[in-house]
């Protein structure tokens, strides 16, 4: 339940008023982690916390373009953050749970396993079988203890269960570099 109540639906607009959306989750009481590609090129945005009818204005706090991560502040929010797992605690076969807002379906929760740890050409990704659809980007990927092990980033279309998350170590690094 904490995972759902700490999940955010982000709606972003650009200069042309095109709208994109994605997911995020609280890492402090008012700071949300998401993917950089969710907020990239946005001129404004709002966030809706699962189970809350209010819309919160957001402010960009930090970005890691290389690892597709961003931190945004929800102005006026005070929500319990999710716990971050220890680095390197993920192994192939571990149970995982993805939570986000695929296609705007708020607070969707799905399960799967870690099916691979992919490293190469400067990338490091966790491959999972839990579904990730458009709108899930930026959502939390959790372990059995409810700790964040990664940030949902995308899927390979046309394949089955080829979904990926950015390891939590990169998120921790971004938080540290922004004094969090």
Protein backbone atom coordinates (compact mmCIF):
# COMPACT_ATOMS: atom_id res chain seq x y z
CA UNK A 1 0.00 0.00 0.00
CA UNK A 2 2.88 2.41 0.73
CA UNK A 3 4.13 1.80 -2.81
CA UNK A 4 0.83 2.94 -4.31
CA UNK A 5 0.44 5.95 -2.02
CA UNK A 6 4.01 7.02 -2.85
CA UNK A 7 3.44 6.73 -6.63
CA UNK A 8 2.92 9.78 -8.79
CA UNK A 9 1.46 10.35 -12.24
CA UNK A 10 3.39 13.12 -14.02
CA UNK A 11 1.78 15.08 -16.85
CA UNK A 12 4.15 17.32 -18.80
CA UNK A 13 3.54 19.94 -21.50
CA UNK A 14 5.96 21.59 -23.91
CA UNK A 15 5.86 24.87 -25.86
CA UNK A 16 3.51 23.30 -28.43
CA UNK A 17 1.17 22.15 -25.63
CA UNK A 18 1.91 18.52 -26.42
CA UNK A 19 1.30 16.39 -23.40
CA UNK A 20 3.41 13.47 -22.27
CA UNK A 21 2.95 11.47 -19.11
CA UNK A 22 4.92 9.10 -16.98
CA UNK A 23 5.31 7.77 -13.49
CA UNK A 24 7.42 8.65 -10.49
CA UNK A 25 7.82 7.83 -6.81
CA UNK A 26 8.80 9.69 -3.67
CA UNK A 27 12.43 9.45 -2.55
CA UNK A 28 12.01 12.19 0.12
CA UNK A 29 8.79 13.74 1.46
CA UNK A 30 8.58 16.19 -1.45
CA UNK A 31 11.07 14.89 -4.08
CA UNK A 32 10.03 12.40 -6.74
CA UNK A 33 12.31 10.27 -8.95
CA UNK A 34 11.36 9.66 -12.58
CA UNK A 35 13.01 9.21 -15.98
CA UNK A 36 14.67 12.13 -17.70
CA UNK A 37 12.79 11.32 -20.91
CA UNK A 38 9.51 11.98 -19.04
CA UNK A 39 10.48 15.60 -18.25
CA UNK A 40 12.79 16.32 -21.21
CA UNK A 41 11.65 19.33 -23.29
CA UNK A 42 8.80 20.09 -20.88
CA UNK A 43 8.06 23.72 -20.08
CA UNK A 44 5.65 22.86 -17.26
CA UNK A 45 4.17 19.91 -15.48
CA UNK A 46 1.87 18.70 -12.76
CA UNK A 47 1.79 15.61 -10.62
CA UNK A 48 -1.03 13.63 -9.07
CA UNK A 49 -0.32 11.36 -6.11
CA UNK A 50 -2.20 8.06 -6.23
CA UNK A 51 -5.37 8.33 -4.16
CA UNK A 52 -5.18 12.14 -3.96
CA UNK A 53 -7.36 14.35 -6.17
CA UNK A 54 -5.06 17.40 -5.96
CA UNK A 55 -2.61 18.38 -8.69
CA UNK A 56 0.83 19.55 -7.59
CA UNK A 57 3.08 21.87 -9.59
CA UNK A 58 6.54 20.46 -10.08
CA UNK A 59 10.03 21.92 -10.15
CA UNK A 60 13.03 20.17 -11.69
CA UNK A 61 15.67 19.52 -9.03
CA UNK A 62 18.30 17.39 -10.79
CA UNK A 63 18.98 15.35 -13.90
CA UNK A 64 21.23 12.54 -15.04
CA UNK A 65 20.75 12.50 -18.81
CA UNK A 66 23.22 9.65 -19.34
CA UNK A 67 21.24 7.29 -17.08
CA UNK A 68 17.80 8.75 -17.98
CA UNK A 69 16.96 9.89 -14.45
CA UNK A 70 15.43 13.07 -13.03
CA UNK A 71 14.36 14.42 -9.66
CA UNK A 72 11.40 16.80 -9.32
CA UNK A 73 9.98 18.61 -6.29
CA UNK A 74 6.22 18.53 -5.75
CA UNK A 75 5.40 21.93 -4.32
CA UNK A 76 3.33 21.52 -1.16
CA UNK A 77 3.57 17.72 -0.97
CA UNK A 78 4.55 15.75 2.11
CA UNK A 79 4.41 12.02 1.41
CA UNK A 80 6.33 9.09 2.91
CA UNK A 81 9.16 8.07 0.57
CA UNK A 82 9.90 4.54 -0.59
CA UNK A 83 12.98 2.83 0.82
CA UNK A 84 15.90 2.31 -1.55
CA UNK A 85 17.51 -1.15 -1.63
CA UNK A 86 21.20 -1.78 -1.07
CA UNK A 87 23.30 -1.57 -4.21
CA UNK A 88 24.11 -4.94 -5.73
CA UNK A 89 21.29 -6.74 -3.91
CA UNK A 90 19.61 -7.84 -7.16
CA UNK A 91 20.08 -11.32 -8.61
CA UNK A 92 18.59 -13.16 -11.58
CA UNK A 93 15.47 -15.01 -10.43
CA UNK A 94 14.53 -12.49 -7.71
CA UNK A 95 10.85 -11.56 -7.50
CA UNK A 96 10.08 -7.97 -8.54
CA UNK A 97 7.06 -5.71 -8.60
CA UNK A 98 6.54 -2.75 -10.91
CA UNK A 99 4.20 0.08 -10.01
CA UNK A 100 3.25 2.97 -12.23
CA UNK A 101 0.64 4.47 -14.48
CA UNK A 102 0.67 2.60 -17.82
CA UNK A 103 -1.53 4.38 -20.37
CA UNK A 104 -2.76 6.58 -17.49
CA UNK A 105 -4.11 3.65 -15.46
CA UNK A 106 -3.09 4.98 -12.07
CA UNK A 107 -1.38 2.81 -9.48
CA UNK A 108 -1.09 -0.32 -11.64
CA UNK A 109 0.85 -3.03 -9.85
CA UNK A 110 2.41 -6.04 -11.61
CA UNK A 111 4.80 -8.80 -10.66
CA UNK A 112 7.62 -10.67 -12.35
CA UNK A 113 11.20 -11.74 -11.86
CA UNK A 114 14.65 -10.41 -12.66
CA UNK A 115 15.48 -12.18 -15.91
CA UNK A 116 18.87 -10.62 -16.55
CA UNK A 117 21.45 -8.06 -15.50
CA UNK A 118 22.61 -6.26 -18.64
CA UNK A 119 25.89 -4.36 -18.71
CA UNK A 120 27.78 -2.98 -21.67
CA UNK A 121 28.72 0.14 -23.63
CA UNK A 122 28.32 2.32 -20.56
CA UNK A 123 24.86 0.98 -19.81
CA UNK A 124 23.64 -1.01 -16.87
CA UNK A 125 20.06 -2.27 -16.82
CA UNK A 126 17.96 -4.77 -14.90
CA UNK A 127 15.88 -6.92 -17.24
CA UNK A 128 12.53 -7.89 -15.71
CA UNK A 129 9.42 -9.81 -16.72
CA UNK A 130 7.02 -7.44 -14.90
CA UNK A 131 5.20 -5.49 -17.64
CA UNK A 132 6.28 -1.95 -18.47
CA UNK A 133 4.06 -0.01 -20.89
CA UNK A 134 4.07 3.61 -22.07
CA UNK A 135 3.28 5.71 -19.00
CA UNK A 136 5.12 3.29 -16.69
CA UNK A 137 8.44 5.08 -17.30
CA UNK A 138 9.81 6.45 -14.06
CA UNK A 139 7.86 4.09 -11.84
CA UNK A 140 9.41 2.10 -9.02
CA UNK A 141 10.56 -1.49 -9.42
CA UNK A 142 10.48 -3.11 -5.99
CA UNK A 143 11.89 -6.24 -4.36
CA UNK A 144 10.06 -8.61 -1.99
CA UNK A 145 10.80 -6.25 0.92
CA UNK A 146 9.13 -3.31 -0.83
CA UNK A 147 12.46 -1.56 -1.45
CA UNK A 148 13.22 0.18 -4.74
CA UNK A 149 15.76 -1.80 -6.78
CA UNK A 150 15.30 0.19 -9.98
CA UNK A 151 13.44 2.79 -12.00
CA UNK A 152 11.26 1.47 -14.85
CA UNK A 153 12.64 2.78 -18.13
CA UNK A 154 11.07 0.86 -21.01
CA UNK A 155 10.54 -2.29 -22.99
CA UNK A 156 11.56 -3.75 -26.32
CA UNK A 157 8.43 -3.72 -28.46
CA UNK A 158 7.70 -6.90 -30.36
CA UNK A 159 9.39 -9.05 -27.72
CA UNK A 160 7.83 -10.75 -24.75
CA UNK A 161 8.78 -9.81 -21.19
CA UNK A 162 11.70 -7.66 -22.37
CA UNK A 163 11.28 -4.87 -19.83
CA UNK A 164 14.03 -2.84 -18.22
CA UNK A 165 14.83 -0.80 -15.12
CA UNK A 166 17.72 1.48 -14.23
CA UNK A 167 19.55 0.16 -11.12
CA UNK A 168 18.93 2.08 -7.89
CA UNK A 169 22.68 2.83 -7.56
CA UNK A 170 22.37 5.47 -10.30
CA UNK A 171 19.41 7.07 -8.52
CA UNK A 172 21.34 7.18 -5.24
CA UNK A 173 24.23 8.87 -7.04
CA UNK A 174 21.91 11.52 -8.51
CA UNK A 175 20.37 12.14 -5.10
CA UNK A 176 23.81 12.52 -3.48
CA UNK A 177 24.98 14.93 -6.16
CA UNK A 178 21.89 17.06 -5.41
CA UNK A 179 22.41 17.04 -1.63
CA UNK A 180 19.64 14.57 -0.84
